[in-house]
Amino acid sequence: MGTSVALQISGRNKLRGRVINITPGIVTAEVEIDIGNGNRITGVITKNSLEEMQIQTGEEITALIKATSVMFMKE
C-alpha cells in the first residue's frame, strides 16, 4: 500500500523540460534541460542529488528558480 505525500514549496518559477545534457564532475553535476521554443536552462546540483534523484538524459523534470536578486546589464 503506497502513501501519498503532498509536496509544498515556496518557489513559484517552475519550468518543465526534458533533460538534454548531464555533465558530471567530482562533486557537482551540470544539468541542462530544454524548456521548449529553443530555450534551455542549465543548473548545477550536487553529484549525490543527481544519483539519489536518478536524473537521466531524456526524462522530464522541473526546474525551480528562486533568485535572491536580479541583475540587469546594458552594453
N, C-alpha and C. Protein backbone atom coordinates (compact mmCIF):
# COMPACT_ATOMS: atom_id res chain seq x y z
N MET A 1 0.83 -1.16 0.00
CA MET A 1 0.00 0.00 0.00
C MET A 1 0.89 1.24 0.00
N GLY A 2 0.74 2.14 -0.99
CA GLY A 2 1.56 3.35 -1.06
C GLY A 2 0.92 4.52 -0.35
N THR A 3 1.75 5.40 0.10
CA THR A 3 1.26 6.63 0.73
C THR A 3 1.61 7.80 -0.15
N SER A 4 0.74 8.74 -0.20
CA SER A 4 0.95 9.93 -1.00
C SER A 4 1.37 11.08 -0.08
N VAL A 5 2.40 11.81 -0.50
CA VAL A 5 2.89 12.94 0.28
C VAL A 5 2.71 14.19 -0.57
N ALA A 6 2.03 15.20 0.00
CA ALA A 6 1.83 16.45 -0.72
C ALA A 6 3.10 17.29 -0.59
N LEU A 7 3.67 17.69 -1.69
CA LEU A 7 4.89 18.48 -1.70
C LEU A 7 4.51 19.95 -1.76
N GLN A 8 5.01 20.72 -0.82
CA GLN A 8 4.80 22.16 -0.82
C GLN A 8 6.14 22.84 -0.93
N ILE A 9 6.23 23.85 -1.79
CA ILE A 9 7.50 24.54 -1.99
C ILE A 9 7.22 26.01 -2.24
N SER A 10 8.11 26.88 -1.78
CA SER A 10 7.87 28.31 -1.90
C SER A 10 8.24 28.88 -3.27
N GLY A 11 9.06 28.17 -4.04
CA GLY A 11 9.45 28.65 -5.37
C GLY A 11 8.26 28.70 -6.31
N ARG A 12 8.08 29.81 -6.97
CA ARG A 12 6.94 29.98 -7.88
C ARG A 12 7.32 29.89 -9.35
N ASN A 13 8.60 29.98 -9.63
CA ASN A 13 9.07 29.93 -11.02
C ASN A 13 9.42 28.50 -11.37
N LYS A 14 8.45 27.80 -11.95
CA LYS A 14 8.63 26.39 -12.29
C LYS A 14 8.66 26.25 -13.81
N LEU A 15 9.72 25.64 -14.30
CA LEU A 15 9.87 25.43 -15.74
C LEU A 15 10.08 23.95 -16.00
N ARG A 16 9.13 23.34 -16.70
CA ARG A 16 9.19 21.91 -17.01
C ARG A 16 9.96 21.73 -18.30
N GLY A 17 10.83 20.72 -18.33
CA GLY A 17 11.59 20.48 -19.54
C GLY A 17 12.17 19.08 -19.58
N ARG A 18 12.80 18.78 -20.70
CA ARG A 18 13.41 17.47 -20.90
C ARG A 18 14.93 17.60 -20.76
N VAL A 19 15.53 16.69 -20.01
CA VAL A 19 16.97 16.69 -19.80
C VAL A 19 17.66 16.38 -21.12
N ILE A 20 18.54 17.29 -21.55
CA ILE A 20 19.24 17.08 -22.82
C ILE A 20 20.73 16.85 -22.63
N ASN A 21 21.26 17.22 -21.45
CA ASN A 21 22.68 17.02 -21.23
C ASN A 21 22.98 16.98 -19.73
N ILE A 22 23.84 16.06 -19.34
CA ILE A 22 24.32 15.96 -17.97
C ILE A 22 25.84 15.89 -18.02
N THR A 23 26.49 16.81 -17.30
CA THR A 23 27.94 16.81 -17.23
C THR A 23 28.35 16.59 -15.78
N PRO A 24 28.64 15.35 -15.41
CA PRO A 24 29.02 15.08 -14.03
C PRO A 24 30.47 15.50 -13.76
N GLY A 25 30.66 16.05 -12.56
CA GLY A 25 32.01 16.40 -12.12
C GLY A 25 32.36 15.54 -10.91
N ILE A 26 33.36 15.96 -10.17
CA ILE A 26 33.77 15.20 -8.99
C ILE A 26 32.76 15.36 -7.86
N VAL A 27 32.30 16.61 -7.62
CA VAL A 27 31.39 16.90 -6.51
C VAL A 27 30.01 17.35 -7.00
N THR A 28 29.98 18.05 -8.13
CA THR A 28 28.72 18.58 -8.66
C THR A 28 28.45 18.02 -10.05
N ALA A 29 27.24 18.29 -10.54
CA ALA A 29 26.88 17.90 -11.91
C ALA A 29 26.09 19.05 -12.53
N GLU A 30 26.36 19.32 -13.79
CA GLU A 30 25.62 20.34 -14.54
C GLU A 30 24.51 19.63 -15.31
N VAL A 31 23.29 20.11 -15.13
CA VAL A 31 22.13 19.51 -15.79
C VAL A 31 21.50 20.56 -16.70
N GLU A 32 21.32 20.23 -17.96
CA GLU A 32 20.72 21.15 -18.93
C GLU A 32 19.38 20.57 -19.40
N ILE A 33 18.34 21.42 -19.35
CA ILE A 33 17.03 20.97 -19.83
C ILE A 33 16.53 21.89 -20.93
N ASP A 34 15.79 21.31 -21.84
CA ASP A 34 15.14 22.03 -22.93
C ASP A 34 13.72 22.33 -22.47
N ILE A 35 13.38 23.63 -22.35
CA ILE A 35 12.04 24.01 -21.87
C ILE A 35 11.12 24.42 -23.02
N GLY A 36 11.56 24.20 -24.25
CA GLY A 36 10.73 24.47 -25.42
C GLY A 36 11.03 25.79 -26.09
N ASN A 37 10.60 25.92 -27.31
CA ASN A 37 10.77 27.14 -28.11
C ASN A 37 12.23 27.57 -28.21
N GLY A 38 13.15 26.61 -28.22
CA GLY A 38 14.57 26.92 -28.34
C GLY A 38 15.21 27.42 -27.06
N ASN A 39 14.50 27.35 -25.94
CA ASN A 39 15.02 27.82 -24.66
C ASN A 39 15.54 26.67 -23.82
N ARG A 40 16.68 26.94 -23.17
CA ARG A 40 17.29 25.92 -22.31
C ARG A 40 17.66 26.54 -20.97
N ILE A 41 17.62 25.71 -19.94
CA ILE A 41 18.02 26.11 -18.59
C ILE A 41 19.12 25.16 -18.15
N THR A 42 20.19 25.71 -17.59
CA THR A 42 21.27 24.89 -17.06
C THR A 42 21.43 25.20 -15.58
N GLY A 43 21.54 24.15 -14.78
CA GLY A 43 21.74 24.32 -13.35
C GLY A 43 22.79 23.35 -12.84
N VAL A 44 23.34 23.67 -11.68
CA VAL A 44 24.35 22.83 -11.06
C VAL A 44 23.78 22.28 -9.76
N ILE A 45 23.87 20.96 -9.60
CA ILE A 45 23.42 20.29 -8.39
C ILE A 45 24.55 19.40 -7.89
N THR A 46 24.42 18.91 -6.68
CA THR A 46 25.46 18.00 -6.18
C THR A 46 25.38 16.68 -6.94
N LYS A 47 26.51 16.02 -7.02
CA LYS A 47 26.54 14.72 -7.68
C LYS A 47 25.67 13.72 -6.91
N ASN A 48 25.66 13.86 -5.56
CA ASN A 48 24.79 13.00 -4.74
C ASN A 48 23.32 13.18 -5.11
N SER A 49 22.88 14.43 -5.31
CA SER A 49 21.49 14.68 -5.69
C SER A 49 21.18 14.06 -7.04
N LEU A 50 22.11 14.18 -7.98
CA LEU A 50 21.93 13.58 -9.31
C LEU A 50 21.69 12.08 -9.19
N GLU A 51 22.50 11.44 -8.35
CA GLU A 51 22.40 9.99 -8.19
C GLU A 51 21.15 9.60 -7.40
N GLU A 52 20.85 10.32 -6.31
CA GLU A 52 19.68 10.00 -5.50
C GLU A 52 18.37 10.18 -6.26
N MET A 53 18.32 11.24 -7.10
CA MET A 53 17.11 11.52 -7.88
C MET A 53 17.06 10.69 -9.16
N GLN A 54 18.17 10.03 -9.48
CA GLN A 54 18.28 9.20 -10.68
C GLN A 54 17.90 9.97 -11.94
N ILE A 55 18.41 11.20 -12.03
CA ILE A 55 18.13 12.04 -13.20
C ILE A 55 18.90 11.49 -14.39
N GLN A 56 18.19 11.32 -15.51
CA GLN A 56 18.79 10.75 -16.71
C GLN A 56 18.41 11.58 -17.93
N THR A 57 19.28 11.58 -18.92
CA THR A 57 19.02 12.26 -20.18
C THR A 57 17.74 11.71 -20.80
N GLY A 58 16.90 12.61 -21.31
CA GLY A 58 15.67 12.21 -21.99
C GLY A 58 14.43 12.27 -21.13
N GLU A 59 14.59 12.31 -19.80
CA GLU A 59 13.40 12.36 -18.96
C GLU A 59 12.98 13.79 -18.66
N GLU A 60 11.71 13.97 -18.30
CA GLU A 60 11.19 15.28 -17.96
C GLU A 60 11.37 15.57 -16.48
N ILE A 61 11.86 16.79 -16.19
CA ILE A 61 12.00 17.24 -14.82
C ILE A 61 11.56 18.71 -14.76
N THR A 62 11.43 19.24 -13.58
CA THR A 62 11.05 20.63 -13.39
C THR A 62 12.18 21.40 -12.74
N ALA A 63 12.51 22.55 -13.31
CA ALA A 63 13.48 23.46 -12.72
C ALA A 63 12.71 24.44 -11.86
N LEU A 64 13.09 24.57 -10.60
CA LEU A 64 12.50 25.54 -9.68
C LEU A 64 13.51 26.66 -9.49
N ILE A 65 13.09 27.89 -9.77
CA ILE A 65 14.02 29.01 -9.70
C ILE A 65 13.55 30.00 -8.65
N LYS A 66 14.42 30.26 -7.68
CA LYS A 66 14.13 31.25 -6.65
C LYS A 66 15.39 32.08 -6.47
N ALA A 67 15.39 33.25 -7.04
CA ALA A 67 16.57 34.10 -7.01
C ALA A 67 16.47 35.12 -5.86
N THR A 68 17.60 35.37 -5.24
CA THR A 68 17.63 36.39 -4.19
C THR A 68 17.85 37.77 -4.77
N SER A 69 18.28 37.83 -6.03
CA SER A 69 18.45 39.13 -6.68
C SER A 69 18.37 38.95 -8.19
N VAL A 70 18.04 40.03 -8.86
CA VAL A 70 18.01 40.05 -10.32
C VAL A 70 18.91 41.20 -10.75
N MET A 71 19.79 40.91 -11.69
CA MET A 71 20.70 41.93 -12.18
C MET A 71 20.45 42.17 -13.67
N PHE A 72 20.61 43.41 -14.09
CA PHE A 72 20.48 43.78 -15.50
C PHE A 72 21.77 44.43 -15.95
N MET A 73 22.07 44.29 -17.25
CA MET A 73 23.27 44.88 -17.81
C MET A 73 22.94 45.43 -19.20
N LYS A 74 23.45 46.57 -19.49
CA LYS A 74 23.26 47.16 -20.82
C LYS A 74 24.62 47.54 -21.35
N GLU A 75 24.94 47.07 -22.55
CA GLU A 75 26.24 47.40 -23.15
C GLU A 75 26.09 48.51 -24.15
